[in-house]
């Protein structure tokens, strides 16, 4: 892993052979701002701070699947769910430059249908795979968190992930280094205590080290 000395301030990062060189690249105005010092892994976008915490220099949109039908096995999304998707699509088109993003989606039916419904009329690159699925029945918390960490390492700089409540919650915490892993959401999404905040058809937006939107449904 080749790390670069880096300084972060006001949404911008500068790098150099050492922190002095990085500091000299800042404008006089930026030099007066509060700076965070650390090291950048340019391959993954991971910024490691001097206090051993970290965050990712990425813009990540996390969408929890829309309301499912009442089918017991692998439900699709309901009529209300399709309405939720339409509102999400309108919001995203106004707020973001979507061609700059790539979409990654859980293979579970309600997630696939959510992705298809939101991006039905939007030209955007999509990928579906098990890496983006909720915690498996036989998967430990440690393994689940490690899977999400791996995804964070490989996500492009501008990414959209369509997944489940437990995935949204834990990816947010890992991406922003918001808490100790011991306090992470440790139940599957169907029983998640965050359900009231990360509702079906909601949008969570992480930009570098800040949670800009958390479980937004009021579009």
N, C-alpha and C. Protein backbone atom coordinates (compact mmCIF):
# COMPACT_ATOMS: atom_id res chain seq x y z
N UNK A 1 0.84 -1.18 0.00
CA UNK A 1 0.00 0.00 0.00
C UNK A 1 0.89 1.24 0.00
N UNK A 2 0.74 2.10 -1.00
CA UNK A 2 1.54 3.31 -1.13
C UNK A 2 0.72 4.49 -0.63
N UNK A 3 1.06 5.00 0.55
CA UNK A 3 0.32 6.11 1.14
C UNK A 3 1.01 7.43 0.84
N UNK A 4 0.20 8.47 0.68
CA UNK A 4 0.73 9.80 0.42
C UNK A 4 0.41 10.72 1.60
N UNK A 5 1.37 11.50 2.03
CA UNK A 5 1.12 12.51 3.05
C UNK A 5 0.03 13.44 2.53
N UNK A 6 -0.97 13.73 3.37
CA UNK A 6 -2.13 14.48 2.88
C UNK A 6 -2.71 15.38 3.95
N UNK A 7 -3.34 16.46 3.49
CA UNK A 7 -4.09 17.38 4.34
C UNK A 7 -5.48 17.51 3.75
N UNK A 8 -6.48 17.54 4.64
CA UNK A 8 -7.88 17.64 4.19
C UNK A 8 -8.54 18.83 4.85
N UNK A 9 -9.23 19.64 4.04
CA UNK A 9 -9.96 20.79 4.58
C UNK A 9 -11.04 21.21 3.62
N UNK A 10 -12.21 21.50 4.17
CA UNK A 10 -13.29 22.09 3.38
C UNK A 10 -13.60 21.29 2.12
N UNK A 11 -13.59 19.96 2.24
CA UNK A 11 -13.95 19.12 1.11
C UNK A 11 -12.85 18.90 0.10
N UNK A 12 -11.65 19.38 0.39
CA UNK A 12 -10.54 19.24 -0.55
C UNK A 12 -9.36 18.55 0.12
N UNK A 13 -8.58 17.84 -0.67
CA UNK A 13 -7.40 17.18 -0.15
C UNK A 13 -6.20 17.57 -1.00
N UNK A 14 -5.05 17.78 -0.36
CA UNK A 14 -3.79 18.02 -1.07
C UNK A 14 -2.78 17.00 -0.57
N UNK A 15 -1.93 16.55 -1.44
CA UNK A 15 -0.92 15.55 -1.09
C UNK A 15 0.47 16.03 -1.45
N UNK A 16 1.46 15.39 -0.86
CA UNK A 16 2.84 15.73 -1.16
C UNK A 16 3.77 14.64 -0.67
N UNK A 17 5.06 14.83 -0.90
CA UNK A 17 6.03 13.86 -0.40
C UNK A 17 6.09 13.88 1.12
N UNK A 18 5.68 15.00 1.69
CA UNK A 18 5.55 15.12 3.14
C UNK A 18 4.47 16.16 3.42
N UNK A 19 4.12 16.35 4.69
CA UNK A 19 3.02 17.26 5.00
C UNK A 19 3.40 18.72 4.75
N UNK A 20 4.68 19.03 4.89
CA UNK A 20 5.11 20.39 4.58
C UNK A 20 4.88 20.73 3.12
N UNK A 21 5.23 19.80 2.24
CA UNK A 21 5.01 20.02 0.81
C UNK A 21 3.52 20.14 0.51
N UNK A 22 2.71 19.31 1.14
CA UNK A 22 1.27 19.39 0.93
C UNK A 22 0.73 20.74 1.41
N UNK A 23 1.21 21.21 2.57
CA UNK A 23 0.74 22.48 3.13
C UNK A 23 1.05 23.64 2.18
N UNK A 24 2.22 23.60 1.55
CA UNK A 24 2.62 24.68 0.65
C UNK A 24 1.78 24.73 -0.62
N UNK A 25 1.03 23.67 -0.89
CA UNK A 25 0.15 23.66 -2.06
C UNK A 25 -1.19 24.35 -1.79
N UNK A 26 -1.46 24.61 -0.51
CA UNK A 26 -2.71 25.26 -0.15
C UNK A 26 -2.64 26.76 -0.41
N UNK A 27 -3.79 27.34 -0.71
CA UNK A 27 -3.86 28.80 -0.83
C UNK A 27 -3.73 29.41 0.57
N UNK A 28 -3.35 30.69 0.65
CA UNK A 28 -3.27 31.34 1.97
C UNK A 28 -4.59 31.25 2.74
N UNK A 29 -5.70 31.34 2.03
CA UNK A 29 -7.00 31.24 2.69
C UNK A 29 -7.20 29.84 3.27
N UNK A 30 -6.86 28.81 2.48
CA UNK A 30 -7.03 27.44 2.96
C UNK A 30 -6.07 27.11 4.10
N UNK A 31 -4.91 27.73 4.10
CA UNK A 31 -3.95 27.49 5.18
C UNK A 31 -4.48 27.98 6.53
N UNK A 32 -5.40 28.95 6.48
CA UNK A 32 -5.99 29.47 7.71
C UNK A 32 -7.16 28.62 8.21
N UNK A 33 -7.63 27.69 7.38
CA UNK A 33 -8.75 26.85 7.78
C UNK A 33 -8.29 25.73 8.71
N UNK A 34 -9.26 25.10 9.35
CA UNK A 34 -8.95 23.92 10.17
C UNK A 34 -8.55 22.78 9.25
N UNK A 35 -7.39 22.20 9.49
CA UNK A 35 -6.87 21.13 8.64
C UNK A 35 -6.88 19.81 9.37
N UNK A 36 -7.14 18.74 8.60
CA UNK A 36 -6.99 17.39 9.12
C UNK A 36 -5.78 16.76 8.44
N UNK A 37 -4.88 16.24 9.24
CA UNK A 37 -3.62 15.71 8.73
C UNK A 37 -3.65 14.18 8.77
N UNK A 38 -3.10 13.58 7.72
CA UNK A 38 -3.04 12.13 7.68
C UNK A 38 -2.37 11.63 6.42
N UNK A 39 -2.81 10.45 5.97
CA UNK A 39 -2.22 9.83 4.79
C UNK A 39 -3.34 9.28 3.91
N UNK A 40 -3.18 9.49 2.62
CA UNK A 40 -4.19 9.07 1.64
C UNK A 40 -3.71 7.84 0.90
N UNK A 41 -4.60 6.84 0.81
CA UNK A 41 -4.37 5.70 -0.07
C UNK A 41 -5.06 6.02 -1.39
N UNK A 42 -4.33 6.45 -2.43
CA UNK A 42 -4.98 6.88 -3.67
C UNK A 42 -5.70 5.75 -4.40
N UNK A 43 -5.33 4.51 -4.09
CA UNK A 43 -5.98 3.37 -4.76
C UNK A 43 -7.41 3.17 -4.28
N UNK A 44 -7.65 3.38 -3.00
CA UNK A 44 -8.97 3.12 -2.42
C UNK A 44 -9.72 4.38 -2.02
N UNK A 45 -9.04 5.53 -1.95
CA UNK A 45 -9.67 6.74 -1.49
C UNK A 45 -9.80 6.81 0.03
N UNK A 46 -9.09 5.94 0.74
CA UNK A 46 -9.16 5.92 2.20
C UNK A 46 -8.19 6.96 2.78
N UNK A 47 -8.72 7.83 3.66
CA UNK A 47 -7.92 8.86 4.30
C UNK A 47 -7.72 8.45 5.76
N UNK A 48 -6.47 8.15 6.13
CA UNK A 48 -6.14 7.72 7.48
C UNK A 48 -5.62 8.92 8.27
N UNK A 49 -6.35 9.29 9.31
CA UNK A 49 -5.98 10.46 10.10
C UNK A 49 -4.90 10.12 11.12
N UNK A 50 -4.23 11.15 11.61
CA UNK A 50 -3.15 10.95 12.57
C UNK A 50 -3.63 10.34 13.88
N UNK A 51 -4.94 10.48 14.19
CA UNK A 51 -5.46 9.89 15.43
C UNK A 51 -5.92 8.45 15.24
N UNK A 52 -5.55 7.85 14.09
CA UNK A 52 -5.86 6.46 13.75
C UNK A 52 -7.30 6.24 13.31
N UNK A 53 -8.13 7.29 13.20
CA UNK A 53 -9.45 7.14 12.59
C UNK A 53 -9.30 7.27 11.07
N UNK A 54 -10.39 7.09 10.35
CA UNK A 54 -10.31 7.14 8.90
C UNK A 54 -11.68 7.46 8.31
N UNK A 55 -11.67 7.91 7.06
CA UNK A 55 -12.89 8.03 6.27
C UNK A 55 -12.49 7.87 4.81
N UNK A 56 -13.49 7.84 3.93
CA UNK A 56 -13.24 7.62 2.50
C UNK A 56 -13.56 8.88 1.70
N UNK A 57 -12.66 9.25 0.83
CA UNK A 57 -12.87 10.41 -0.03
C UNK A 57 -13.75 10.00 -1.21
N UNK A 58 -14.99 9.72 -0.88
CA UNK A 58 -15.94 9.25 -1.90
C UNK A 58 -17.30 9.88 -1.64
N UNK A 59 -18.10 9.94 -2.69
CA UNK A 59 -19.49 10.37 -2.58
C UNK A 59 -20.35 9.13 -2.80
N UNK A 60 -21.09 8.75 -1.76
CA UNK A 60 -21.84 7.49 -1.80
C UNK A 60 -23.31 7.75 -1.49
N UNK A 61 -24.16 7.39 -2.42
CA UNK A 61 -25.61 7.42 -2.22
C UNK A 61 -26.07 6.02 -1.85
N UNK A 62 -26.74 5.89 -0.72
CA UNK A 62 -27.25 4.60 -0.26
C UNK A 62 -28.78 4.65 -0.29
N UNK A 63 -29.37 3.76 -1.05
CA UNK A 63 -30.83 3.72 -1.19
C UNK A 63 -31.35 2.41 -0.61
N UNK A 64 -32.22 2.52 0.39
CA UNK A 64 -32.86 1.31 0.89
C UNK A 64 -33.99 0.95 -0.07
N UNK A 65 -34.14 -0.33 -0.34
CA UNK A 65 -35.17 -0.78 -1.28
C UNK A 65 -36.54 -0.21 -0.91
N UNK A 66 -37.39 -0.05 -1.92
CA UNK A 66 -38.75 0.47 -1.71
C UNK A 66 -39.61 -0.56 -0.97
N UNK A 67 -40.78 -0.11 -0.56
CA UNK A 67 -41.68 -0.98 0.21
C UNK A 67 -41.99 -2.26 -0.56
N UNK A 68 -41.78 -3.43 0.05
CA UNK A 68 -42.05 -4.70 -0.65
C UNK A 68 -43.52 -5.08 -0.56
N UNK A 69 -43.89 -6.05 -1.36
CA UNK A 69 -45.22 -6.64 -1.26
C UNK A 69 -45.26 -7.54 -0.03
N UNK A 70 -46.40 -8.15 0.23
CA UNK A 70 -46.56 -8.99 1.41
C UNK A 70 -46.25 -10.46 1.14
N UNK A 71 -45.66 -10.74 -0.01
CA UNK A 71 -45.25 -12.13 -0.28
C UNK A 71 -44.22 -12.55 0.76
N UNK A 72 -44.28 -13.80 1.16
CA UNK A 72 -43.37 -14.30 2.19
C UNK A 72 -41.99 -14.62 1.65
N UNK A 73 -41.89 -15.04 0.41
CA UNK A 73 -40.60 -15.44 -0.14
C UNK A 73 -40.19 -14.49 -1.26
N UNK A 74 -39.04 -13.86 -1.10
CA UNK A 74 -38.44 -12.99 -2.11
C UNK A 74 -39.46 -12.04 -2.74
N UNK A 75 -40.07 -11.16 -1.95
CA UNK A 75 -41.08 -10.26 -2.50
C UNK A 75 -40.49 -9.20 -3.43
N UNK A 76 -41.30 -8.76 -4.37
CA UNK A 76 -40.95 -7.60 -5.18
C UNK A 76 -41.40 -6.34 -4.46
N UNK A 77 -41.51 -5.22 -5.18
CA UNK A 77 -41.96 -3.99 -4.53
C UNK A 77 -43.43 -3.75 -4.84
N UNK A 78 -44.10 -3.12 -3.89
CA UNK A 78 -45.54 -2.89 -3.97
C UNK A 78 -45.85 -1.67 -4.83
N UNK A 79 -47.14 -1.39 -4.96
CA UNK A 79 -47.55 -0.19 -5.70
C UNK A 79 -47.03 1.07 -4.99
N UNK A 80 -47.10 1.06 -3.66
CA UNK A 80 -46.53 2.19 -2.91
C UNK A 80 -45.02 2.27 -3.15
N UNK A 81 -44.38 1.10 -3.23
CA UNK A 81 -42.95 1.07 -3.49
C UNK A 81 -42.60 1.72 -4.82
N UNK A 82 -43.39 1.47 -5.85
CA UNK A 82 -43.14 2.09 -7.15
C UNK A 82 -43.29 3.61 -7.07
N UNK A 83 -44.26 4.08 -6.27
CA UNK A 83 -44.42 5.52 -6.07
C UNK A 83 -43.22 6.10 -5.35
N UNK A 84 -42.71 5.37 -4.37
CA UNK A 84 -41.49 5.81 -3.67
C UNK A 84 -40.33 5.94 -4.64
N UNK A 85 -40.20 4.98 -5.53
CA UNK A 85 -39.10 5.00 -6.52
C UNK A 85 -39.21 6.20 -7.44
N UNK A 86 -40.41 6.54 -7.83
CA UNK A 86 -40.60 7.69 -8.71
C UNK A 86 -40.15 8.97 -8.01
N UNK A 87 -40.49 9.10 -6.72
CA UNK A 87 -40.08 10.29 -5.98
C UNK A 87 -38.56 10.33 -5.82
N UNK A 88 -37.97 9.17 -5.54
CA UNK A 88 -36.51 9.11 -5.41
C UNK A 88 -35.84 9.51 -6.72
N UNK A 89 -36.35 8.98 -7.83
CA UNK A 89 -35.77 9.28 -9.15
C UNK A 89 -35.82 10.78 -9.43
N UNK A 90 -36.96 11.41 -9.17
CA UNK A 90 -37.09 12.85 -9.40
C UNK A 90 -36.11 13.64 -8.54
N UNK A 91 -35.99 13.23 -7.28
CA UNK A 91 -35.07 13.90 -6.37
C UNK A 91 -33.62 13.77 -6.84
N UNK A 92 -33.22 12.56 -7.21
CA UNK A 92 -31.84 12.33 -7.63
C UNK A 92 -31.50 13.12 -8.89
N UNK A 93 -32.43 13.19 -9.83
CA UNK A 93 -32.16 13.89 -11.08
C UNK A 93 -31.98 15.39 -10.86
N UNK A 94 -32.68 15.93 -9.86
CA UNK A 94 -32.56 17.36 -9.56
C UNK A 94 -31.28 17.64 -8.76
N UNK A 95 -30.96 16.77 -7.83
CA UNK A 95 -29.89 17.04 -6.85
C UNK A 95 -28.50 16.61 -7.34
N UNK A 96 -28.41 15.57 -8.17
CA UNK A 96 -27.12 15.01 -8.51
C UNK A 96 -26.92 14.91 -10.02
N UNK A 97 -25.65 14.93 -10.43
CA UNK A 97 -25.31 14.69 -11.83
C UNK A 97 -25.12 13.18 -12.01
N UNK A 98 -26.21 12.48 -12.24
CA UNK A 98 -26.22 11.01 -12.18
C UNK A 98 -25.28 10.32 -13.16
N UNK A 99 -25.02 10.86 -14.35
CA UNK A 99 -24.04 10.18 -15.23
C UNK A 99 -22.66 10.04 -14.62
N UNK A 100 -22.36 10.82 -13.58
CA UNK A 100 -21.07 10.70 -12.91
C UNK A 100 -21.01 9.51 -11.95
N UNK A 101 -22.17 8.88 -11.68
CA UNK A 101 -22.26 7.81 -10.70
C UNK A 101 -22.39 6.44 -11.38
N UNK A 102 -22.06 5.40 -10.61
CA UNK A 102 -22.34 4.03 -11.00
C UNK A 102 -23.21 3.40 -9.92
N UNK A 103 -24.12 2.49 -10.34
CA UNK A 103 -25.07 1.88 -9.41
C UNK A 103 -24.65 0.44 -9.11
N UNK A 104 -24.70 0.08 -7.83
CA UNK A 104 -24.40 -1.28 -7.38
C UNK A 104 -25.59 -1.75 -6.56
N UNK A 105 -26.04 -2.97 -6.81
CA UNK A 105 -27.33 -3.41 -6.27
C UNK A 105 -27.28 -4.83 -5.73
N UNK A 106 -27.97 -5.03 -4.60
CA UNK A 106 -28.19 -6.37 -4.06
C UNK A 106 -29.00 -7.20 -5.07
N UNK A 107 -28.73 -8.50 -5.17
CA UNK A 107 -29.47 -9.34 -6.11
C UNK A 107 -30.87 -9.71 -5.62
N UNK A 108 -31.21 -9.37 -4.38
CA UNK A 108 -32.54 -9.68 -3.85
C UNK A 108 -33.59 -8.93 -4.69
N UNK A 109 -34.70 -9.60 -4.97
CA UNK A 109 -35.68 -9.10 -5.93
C UNK A 109 -36.15 -7.68 -5.62
N UNK A 110 -36.48 -7.37 -4.35
CA UNK A 110 -37.00 -6.05 -4.05
C UNK A 110 -35.98 -4.95 -4.31
N UNK A 111 -34.69 -5.29 -4.20
CA UNK A 111 -33.65 -4.31 -4.51
C UNK A 111 -33.51 -4.14 -6.02
N UNK A 112 -33.52 -5.26 -6.74
CA UNK A 112 -33.41 -5.17 -8.21
C UNK A 112 -34.58 -4.38 -8.80
N UNK A 113 -35.78 -4.63 -8.29
CA UNK A 113 -36.95 -3.91 -8.80
C UNK A 113 -36.88 -2.43 -8.42
N UNK A 114 -36.35 -2.13 -7.25
CA UNK A 114 -36.16 -0.73 -6.85
C UNK A 114 -35.19 -0.04 -7.79
N UNK A 115 -34.06 -0.68 -8.07
CA UNK A 115 -33.08 -0.10 -8.99
C UNK A 115 -33.69 0.12 -10.37
N UNK A 116 -34.38 -0.89 -10.89
CA UNK A 116 -34.96 -0.78 -12.23
C UNK A 116 -36.01 0.32 -12.29
N UNK A 117 -36.80 0.45 -11.21
CA UNK A 117 -37.85 1.46 -11.19
C UNK A 117 -37.27 2.87 -11.10
N UNK A 118 -36.26 3.06 -10.26
CA UNK A 118 -35.67 4.40 -10.11
C UNK A 118 -34.95 4.83 -11.37
N UNK A 119 -34.18 3.92 -11.96
CA UNK A 119 -33.31 4.30 -13.06
C UNK A 119 -33.86 3.85 -14.41
N UNK A 120 -35.16 3.66 -14.47
CA UNK A 120 -35.81 3.20 -15.71
C UNK A 120 -35.53 4.14 -16.88
N UNK A 121 -35.53 5.43 -16.63
CA UNK A 121 -35.35 6.41 -17.71
C UNK A 121 -34.05 7.19 -17.56
N UNK A 122 -33.13 6.65 -16.77
CA UNK A 122 -31.86 7.35 -16.54
C UNK A 122 -30.72 6.50 -17.07
N UNK A 123 -29.90 7.08 -17.93
CA UNK A 123 -28.74 6.37 -18.47
C UNK A 123 -27.64 6.32 -17.40
N UNK A 124 -27.39 5.13 -16.88
CA UNK A 124 -26.39 5.00 -15.82
C UNK A 124 -25.88 3.56 -15.78
N UNK A 125 -24.62 3.38 -15.48
CA UNK A 125 -24.03 2.04 -15.43
C UNK A 125 -24.48 1.31 -14.17
N UNK A 126 -24.92 0.05 -14.33
CA UNK A 126 -25.46 -0.72 -13.20
C UNK A 126 -24.72 -2.04 -13.05
N UNK A 127 -24.63 -2.49 -11.79
CA UNK A 127 -24.01 -3.78 -11.50
C UNK A 127 -24.77 -4.42 -10.34
N UNK A 128 -25.04 -5.73 -10.46
CA UNK A 128 -25.75 -6.47 -9.42
C UNK A 128 -24.84 -7.58 -8.90
N UNK A 129 -24.80 -7.76 -7.57
CA UNK A 129 -23.94 -8.82 -7.04
C UNK A 129 -24.16 -9.06 -5.56
N UNK A 130 -23.72 -10.21 -5.07
CA UNK A 130 -23.93 -10.59 -3.67
C UNK A 130 -23.14 -9.75 -2.67
N UNK A 131 -22.14 -9.01 -3.12
CA UNK A 131 -21.37 -8.16 -2.21
C UNK A 131 -22.25 -7.09 -1.57
N UNK A 132 -23.36 -6.75 -2.23
CA UNK A 132 -24.19 -5.63 -1.79
C UNK A 132 -25.46 -6.10 -1.07
N UNK A 133 -25.51 -7.37 -0.73
CA UNK A 133 -26.69 -7.95 -0.09
C UNK A 133 -26.65 -7.76 1.42
N UNK A 134 -27.82 -7.86 2.07
CA UNK A 134 -27.90 -7.78 3.52
C UNK A 134 -27.13 -8.96 4.13
N UNK A 135 -27.00 -8.93 5.44
CA UNK A 135 -26.27 -9.98 6.15
C UNK A 135 -26.93 -11.34 5.92
N UNK A 136 -26.11 -12.31 5.53
CA UNK A 136 -26.62 -13.66 5.27
C UNK A 136 -27.00 -14.35 6.57
N UNK A 137 -27.85 -15.34 6.46
CA UNK A 137 -28.31 -16.08 7.64
C UNK A 137 -27.15 -16.66 8.46
N UNK A 138 -26.13 -17.17 7.78
CA UNK A 138 -25.03 -17.83 8.48
C UNK A 138 -23.78 -16.96 8.55
N UNK A 139 -23.93 -15.65 8.33
CA UNK A 139 -22.78 -14.75 8.29
C UNK A 139 -22.61 -14.05 9.65
N UNK A 140 -21.42 -14.10 10.18
CA UNK A 140 -21.16 -13.43 11.46
C UNK A 140 -21.11 -11.92 11.25
N UNK A 141 -21.26 -11.18 12.35
CA UNK A 141 -21.14 -9.73 12.27
C UNK A 141 -19.78 -9.32 11.72
N UNK A 142 -18.72 -9.99 12.21
CA UNK A 142 -17.37 -9.65 11.77
C UNK A 142 -17.21 -9.86 10.26
N UNK A 143 -17.75 -10.96 9.76
CA UNK A 143 -17.65 -11.25 8.32
C UNK A 143 -18.47 -10.25 7.51
N UNK A 144 -19.64 -9.89 8.02
CA UNK A 144 -20.49 -8.92 7.34
C UNK A 144 -19.79 -7.56 7.24
N UNK A 145 -19.21 -7.11 8.34
CA UNK A 145 -18.50 -5.83 8.33
C UNK A 145 -17.28 -5.88 7.42
N UNK A 146 -16.60 -7.00 7.39
CA UNK A 146 -15.44 -7.13 6.51
C UNK A 146 -15.86 -7.09 5.04
N UNK A 147 -17.01 -7.66 4.75
CA UNK A 147 -17.53 -7.61 3.37
C UNK A 147 -17.82 -6.16 2.97
N UNK A 148 -18.42 -5.41 3.88
CA UNK A 148 -18.73 -4.01 3.58
C UNK A 148 -17.44 -3.19 3.44
N UNK A 149 -16.46 -3.47 4.30
CA UNK A 149 -15.17 -2.77 4.18
C UNK A 149 -14.55 -3.01 2.81
N UNK A 150 -14.63 -4.25 2.35
CA UNK A 150 -14.09 -4.57 1.03
C UNK A 150 -14.81 -3.77 -0.06
N UNK A 151 -16.13 -3.67 0.06
CA UNK A 151 -16.89 -2.89 -0.92
C UNK A 151 -16.46 -1.43 -0.90
N UNK A 152 -16.28 -0.87 0.30
CA UNK A 152 -15.84 0.51 0.40
C UNK A 152 -14.49 0.73 -0.29
N UNK A 153 -13.64 -0.26 -0.22
CA UNK A 153 -12.32 -0.15 -0.85
C UNK A 153 -12.42 -0.11 -2.37
N UNK A 154 -13.39 -0.82 -2.93
CA UNK A 154 -13.45 -0.97 -4.38
C UNK A 154 -14.48 -0.07 -5.05
N UNK A 155 -15.35 0.58 -4.29
CA UNK A 155 -16.34 1.45 -4.90
C UNK A 155 -15.66 2.60 -5.63
N UNK A 156 -16.18 2.99 -6.79
CA UNK A 156 -15.67 4.19 -7.46
C UNK A 156 -15.91 5.44 -6.61
N UNK A 157 -15.33 6.54 -7.02
CA UNK A 157 -15.42 7.77 -6.24
C UNK A 157 -16.86 8.25 -6.09
N UNK A 158 -17.69 8.05 -7.11
CA UNK A 158 -19.11 8.43 -7.06
C UNK A 158 -19.95 7.18 -7.26
N UNK A 159 -20.60 6.72 -6.20
CA UNK A 159 -21.29 5.44 -6.25
C UNK A 159 -22.69 5.53 -5.65
N UNK A 160 -23.59 4.69 -6.18
CA UNK A 160 -24.93 4.51 -5.63
C UNK A 160 -25.08 3.04 -5.28
N UNK A 161 -25.52 2.76 -4.05
CA UNK A 161 -25.72 1.38 -3.63
C UNK A 161 -27.18 1.20 -3.24
N UNK A 162 -27.86 0.25 -3.88
CA UNK A 162 -29.25 -0.08 -3.55
C UNK A 162 -29.23 -1.37 -2.75
N UNK A 163 -29.63 -1.28 -1.48
CA UNK A 163 -29.50 -2.44 -0.61
C UNK A 163 -30.55 -2.43 0.49
N UNK A 164 -30.16 -2.91 1.67
CA UNK A 164 -31.08 -3.15 2.78
C UNK A 164 -30.70 -2.28 3.97
N UNK A 165 -31.58 -2.25 4.97
CA UNK A 165 -31.38 -1.37 6.12
C UNK A 165 -30.06 -1.65 6.83
N UNK A 166 -29.77 -2.90 7.14
CA UNK A 166 -28.54 -3.19 7.89
C UNK A 166 -27.30 -2.81 7.08
N UNK A 167 -27.39 -2.93 5.76
CA UNK A 167 -26.27 -2.59 4.90
C UNK A 167 -26.05 -1.08 4.89
N UNK A 168 -27.15 -0.32 4.77
CA UNK A 168 -27.06 1.14 4.75
C UNK A 168 -26.46 1.66 6.05
N UNK A 169 -26.95 1.14 7.17
CA UNK A 169 -26.49 1.60 8.48
C UNK A 169 -25.00 1.31 8.67
N UNK A 170 -24.61 0.09 8.43
CA UNK A 170 -23.23 -0.30 8.70
C UNK A 170 -22.25 0.30 7.70
N UNK A 171 -22.64 0.43 6.45
CA UNK A 171 -21.74 1.07 5.49
C UNK A 171 -21.56 2.54 5.85
N UNK A 172 -22.61 3.20 6.30
CA UNK A 172 -22.49 4.60 6.70
C UNK A 172 -21.49 4.74 7.83
N UNK A 173 -21.60 3.88 8.84
CA UNK A 173 -20.71 3.97 9.99
C UNK A 173 -19.26 3.65 9.62
N UNK A 174 -19.08 2.66 8.77
CA UNK A 174 -17.73 2.30 8.37
C UNK A 174 -17.11 3.37 7.47
N UNK A 175 -17.89 3.93 6.56
CA UNK A 175 -17.37 4.92 5.63
C UNK A 175 -16.95 6.20 6.33
N UNK A 176 -17.66 6.54 7.41
CA UNK A 176 -17.41 7.80 8.10
C UNK A 176 -16.67 7.63 9.41
N UNK A 177 -16.36 6.37 9.77
CA UNK A 177 -15.73 6.09 11.07
C UNK A 177 -16.52 6.76 12.18
N UNK A 178 -17.86 6.55 12.16
CA UNK A 178 -18.74 7.24 13.09
C UNK A 178 -18.74 6.63 14.48
N UNK A 179 -18.43 5.34 14.59
CA UNK A 179 -18.49 4.71 15.90
C UNK A 179 -17.61 3.48 15.94
N UNK A 180 -17.42 2.97 17.12
CA UNK A 180 -16.68 1.74 17.30
C UNK A 180 -17.49 0.57 16.76
N UNK A 181 -16.85 -0.40 16.06
CA UNK A 181 -17.61 -1.53 15.51
C UNK A 181 -18.46 -2.26 16.53
N UNK A 182 -18.11 -2.21 17.80
CA UNK A 182 -18.89 -2.91 18.82
C UNK A 182 -20.30 -2.35 18.94
N UNK A 183 -20.50 -1.09 18.50
CA UNK A 183 -21.83 -0.48 18.60
C UNK A 183 -22.57 -0.49 17.28
N UNK A 184 -22.01 -1.15 16.28
CA UNK A 184 -22.66 -1.20 14.97
C UNK A 184 -23.95 -2.01 15.05
N UNK A 185 -24.78 -1.80 14.05
CA UNK A 185 -26.05 -2.54 13.95
C UNK A 185 -25.74 -4.03 13.84
N UNK A 186 -26.17 -4.81 14.82
CA UNK A 186 -25.79 -6.21 14.88
C UNK A 186 -26.97 -7.16 14.69
N UNK A 187 -28.04 -6.67 14.08
CA UNK A 187 -29.17 -7.54 13.75
C UNK A 187 -29.47 -7.41 12.27
N UNK A 188 -30.15 -8.38 11.74
CA UNK A 188 -30.50 -8.33 10.33
C UNK A 188 -31.55 -7.25 10.10
N UNK A 189 -31.67 -6.80 8.85
CA UNK A 189 -32.45 -5.59 8.58
C UNK A 189 -33.91 -5.73 8.96
N UNK A 190 -34.47 -6.93 8.95
CA UNK A 190 -35.88 -7.09 9.28
C UNK A 190 -36.17 -6.74 10.75
N UNK A 191 -35.16 -6.79 11.61
CA UNK A 191 -35.33 -6.50 13.03
C UNK A 191 -34.57 -5.25 13.47
N UNK A 192 -34.08 -4.49 12.52
CA UNK A 192 -33.14 -3.42 12.83
C UNK A 192 -33.79 -2.28 13.60
N UNK A 193 -33.12 -1.85 14.67
CA UNK A 193 -33.65 -0.75 15.48
C UNK A 193 -33.56 0.58 14.75
N UNK A 194 -32.79 0.65 13.65
CA UNK A 194 -32.70 1.87 12.86
C UNK A 194 -33.85 1.97 11.85
N UNK A 195 -34.73 0.99 11.81
CA UNK A 195 -35.76 0.95 10.78
C UNK A 195 -36.58 2.22 10.69
N UNK A 196 -36.79 2.88 11.84
CA UNK A 196 -37.57 4.11 11.83
C UNK A 196 -36.83 5.25 11.14
N UNK A 197 -35.48 5.16 11.09
CA UNK A 197 -34.69 6.21 10.45
C UNK A 197 -34.35 5.87 9.01
N UNK A 198 -34.03 4.61 8.77
CA UNK A 198 -33.67 4.18 7.42
C UNK A 198 -34.88 3.45 6.84
N UNK A 199 -35.84 4.21 6.39
CA UNK A 199 -37.10 3.65 5.93
C UNK A 199 -36.97 3.10 4.52
N UNK A 200 -37.94 2.30 4.11
CA UNK A 200 -38.00 1.83 2.74
C UNK A 200 -38.11 3.03 1.80
N UNK A 201 -37.40 2.95 0.69
CA UNK A 201 -37.44 4.03 -0.29
C UNK A 201 -36.76 5.30 0.16
N UNK A 202 -35.79 5.19 1.09
CA UNK A 202 -35.09 6.37 1.61
C UNK A 202 -33.72 6.52 0.97
N UNK A 203 -33.18 7.74 1.08
CA UNK A 203 -31.87 8.07 0.53
C UNK A 203 -30.96 8.54 1.65
N UNK A 204 -29.77 7.96 1.72
CA UNK A 204 -28.71 8.40 2.63
C UNK A 204 -27.52 8.81 1.76
N UNK A 205 -26.96 9.98 2.03
CA UNK A 205 -25.88 10.48 1.18
C UNK A 205 -24.66 10.82 2.05
N UNK A 206 -23.54 10.19 1.73
CA UNK A 206 -22.28 10.41 2.43
C UNK A 206 -21.32 11.13 1.48
N UNK A 207 -20.76 12.22 1.95
CA UNK A 207 -19.79 12.95 1.13
C UNK A 207 -18.51 13.13 1.93
N UNK A 208 -17.50 12.35 1.57
CA UNK A 208 -16.23 12.35 2.28
C UNK A 208 -16.45 12.01 3.75
N UNK A 209 -16.26 12.95 4.65
CA UNK A 209 -16.36 12.64 6.07
C UNK A 209 -17.64 13.15 6.71
N UNK A 210 -18.68 13.42 5.89
CA UNK A 210 -19.91 13.98 6.43
C UNK A 210 -21.14 13.20 5.94
N UNK A 211 -22.09 12.93 6.85
CA UNK A 211 -23.39 12.39 6.42
C UNK A 211 -24.31 13.55 6.03
N UNK A 212 -24.47 13.79 4.75
CA UNK A 212 -25.25 14.93 4.27
C UNK A 212 -26.75 14.65 4.43
N UNK A 213 -27.17 13.45 4.07
CA UNK A 213 -28.55 13.02 4.22
C UNK A 213 -28.57 11.68 4.93
N UNK A 214 -29.52 11.49 5.84
CA UNK A 214 -29.64 10.21 6.54
C UNK A 214 -31.10 9.77 6.49
N UNK A 215 -31.38 8.72 5.72
CA UNK A 215 -32.73 8.16 5.67
C UNK A 215 -33.78 9.14 5.17
N UNK A 216 -33.42 9.98 4.21
CA UNK A 216 -34.37 10.99 3.71
C UNK A 216 -35.51 10.34 2.95
N UNK A 217 -36.74 10.68 3.29
CA UNK A 217 -37.93 10.23 2.55
C UNK A 217 -38.82 11.39 2.14
N UNK A 218 -38.56 12.58 2.68
CA UNK A 218 -39.41 13.74 2.41
C UNK A 218 -38.83 14.48 1.21
N UNK A 219 -39.18 14.01 0.02
CA UNK A 219 -38.61 14.59 -1.21
C UNK A 219 -39.51 15.71 -1.74
